[in-house]
Amino acid sequence: MPSNTALRVQKHRLALRDAGLRPIQIWVPDTQAPGFFEECRRQSALVATADQADTELMSFIDDALTDLDDA
């Protein structure tokens, strides 16, 4: 016989399914893995360098913000 906790979880999941939802599994990076933060820094530096080299980026962002202000 399932435990009280298992029954509550099952009831909750059935309610979610009845609401039109379905479970999915998402894999995300392990933030505790060795080298994770170094890789984040490496990728951030690449993005920053690319942003600085993109002469049209700030113009695009300014135009987008102007569009939001006008809305």
C-alpha atoms as a PDB file:
ATOM      1  CA  MET A   1       0.000   0.000   0.000  1.00  0.00           C
ATOM      2  CA  PRO A   2       1.437   3.442  -0.966  1.00  0.00           C
ATOM      3  CA  SER A   3       2.389   5.812   1.818  1.00  0.00           C
ATOM      4  CA  ASN A   4       0.341   8.896   2.636  1.00  0.00           C
ATOM      5  CA  THR A   5       2.992  11.067   0.971  1.00  0.00           C
ATOM      6  CA  ALA A   6       2.925   8.967  -2.200  1.00  0.00           C
ATOM      7  CA  LEU A   7      -0.866   9.269  -2.347  1.00  0.00           C
ATOM      8  CA  ARG A   8      -0.708  13.057  -1.955  1.00  0.00           C
ATOM      9  CA  VAL A   9       1.900  13.302  -4.709  1.00  0.00           C
ATOM     10  CA  GLN A  10      -0.194  11.092  -6.973  1.00  0.00           C
ATOM     11  CA  LYS A  11      -3.300  13.196  -6.287  1.00  0.00           C
ATOM     12  CA  HIS A  12      -1.360  16.408  -6.993  1.00  0.00           C
ATOM     13  CA  ARG A  13       0.023  15.015 -10.269  1.00  0.00           C
ATOM     14  CA  LEU A  14      -3.427  13.881 -11.380  1.00  0.00           C
ATOM     15  CA  ALA A  15      -4.789  17.355 -10.648  1.00  0.00           C
ATOM     16  CA  LEU A  16      -2.036  18.899 -12.756  1.00  0.00           C
ATOM     17  CA  ARG A  17      -2.802  16.495 -15.611  1.00  0.00           C
ATOM     18  CA  ASP A  18      -6.511  17.324 -15.308  1.00  0.00           C
ATOM     19  CA  ALA A  19      -5.514  20.990 -15.670  1.00  0.00           C
ATOM     20  CA  GLY A  20      -3.926  20.132 -19.033  1.00  0.00           C
ATOM     21  CA  LEU A  21      -0.314  19.958 -17.868  1.00  0.00           C
ATOM     22  CA  ARG A  22       2.179  17.177 -18.365  1.00  0.00           C
ATOM     23  CA  PRO A  23       5.475  16.409 -16.649  1.00  0.00           C
ATOM     24  CA  ILE A  24       8.739  16.876 -18.484  1.00  0.00           C
ATOM     25  CA  GLN A  25      12.327  16.247 -17.521  1.00  0.00           C
ATOM     26  CA  ILE A  26      14.838  19.046 -17.969  1.00  0.00           C
ATOM     27  CA  TRP A  27      18.573  18.551 -17.709  1.00  0.00           C
ATOM     28  CA  VAL A  28      20.534  21.584 -16.565  1.00  0.00           C
ATOM     29  CA  PRO A  29      24.246  22.179 -16.007  1.00  0.00           C
ATOM     30  CA  ASP A  30      25.594  20.992 -12.668  1.00  0.00           C
ATOM     31  CA  THR A  31      26.618  24.206 -10.915  1.00  0.00           C
ATOM     32  CA  GLN A  32      28.721  22.176  -8.479  1.00  0.00           C
ATOM     33  CA  ALA A  33      30.760  20.450 -11.185  1.00  0.00           C
ATOM     34  CA  PRO A  34      34.482  21.228 -11.242  1.00  0.00           C
ATOM     35  CA  GLY A  35      35.213  23.993 -13.717  1.00  0.00           C
ATOM     36  CA  PHE A  36      31.607  25.234 -13.925  1.00  0.00           C
ATOM     37  CA  PHE A  37      32.335  28.794 -12.811  1.00  0.00           C
ATOM     38  CA  GLU A  38      35.477  29.025 -14.916  1.00  0.00           C
ATOM     39  CA  GLU A  39      33.438  27.997 -17.965  1.00  0.00           C
ATOM     40  CA  CYS A  40      30.817  30.626 -17.094  1.00  0.00           C
ATOM     41  CA  ARG A  41      33.524  33.269 -16.933  1.00  0.00           C
ATOM     42  CA  ARG A  42      35.025  32.075 -20.233  1.00  0.00           C
ATOM     43  CA  GLN A  43      31.680  32.223 -22.035  1.00  0.00           C
ATOM     44  CA  SER A  44      30.806  35.589 -20.481  1.00  0.00           C
ATOM     45  CA  ALA A  45      34.108  37.017 -21.691  1.00  0.00           C
ATOM     46  CA  LEU A  46      33.398  35.743 -25.209  1.00  0.00           C
ATOM     47  CA  VAL A  47      29.962  37.403 -25.189  1.00  0.00           C
ATOM     48  CA  ALA A  48      31.385  40.669 -23.842  1.00  0.00           C
ATOM     49  CA  THR A  49      34.055  40.686 -26.538  1.00  0.00           C
ATOM     50  CA  ALA A  50      31.482  39.978 -29.243  1.00  0.00           C
ATOM     51  CA  ASP A  51      29.210  42.740 -27.900  1.00  0.00           C
ATOM     52  CA  GLN A  52      32.046  45.266 -27.983  1.00  0.00           C
ATOM     53  CA  ALA A  53      32.848  44.312 -31.575  1.00  0.00           C
ATOM     54  CA  ASP A  54      29.200  44.701 -32.660  1.00  0.00           C
ATOM     55  CA  THR A  55      28.933  48.372 -33.582  1.00  0.00           C
ATOM     56  CA  GLU A  56      25.184  48.144 -34.266  1.00  0.00           C
ATOM     57  CA  LEU A  57      24.207  46.448 -31.004  1.00  0.00           C
ATOM     58  CA  MET A  58      23.790  49.563 -28.857  1.00  0.00           C
ATOM     59  CA  SER A  59      21.767  51.233 -31.610  1.00  0.00           C
ATOM     60  CA  PHE A  60      19.515  48.185 -31.789  1.00  0.00           C
ATOM     61  CA  ILE A  61      19.039  48.161 -28.001  1.00  0.00           C
ATOM     62  CA  ASP A  62      18.320  51.897 -27.933  1.00  0.00           C
ATOM     63  CA  ASP A  63      15.721  51.484 -30.701  1.00  0.00           C
ATOM     64  CA  ALA A  64      14.099  48.599 -28.853  1.00  0.00           C
ATOM     65  CA  LEU A  65      13.881  50.617 -25.641  1.00  0.00           C
ATOM     66  CA  THR A  66      12.401  53.559 -27.554  1.00  0.00           C
ATOM     67  CA  ASP A  67       9.754  51.231 -28.977  1.00  0.00           C
ATOM     68  CA  LEU A  68       8.906  50.089 -25.433  1.00  0.00           C
ATOM     69  CA  ASP A  69       8.662  53.670 -24.215  1.00  0.00           C
ATOM     70  CA  ASP A  70       6.287  54.530 -27.065  1.00  0.00           C
ATOM     71  CA  ALA A  71       3.992  51.574 -26.322  1.00  0.00           C
END
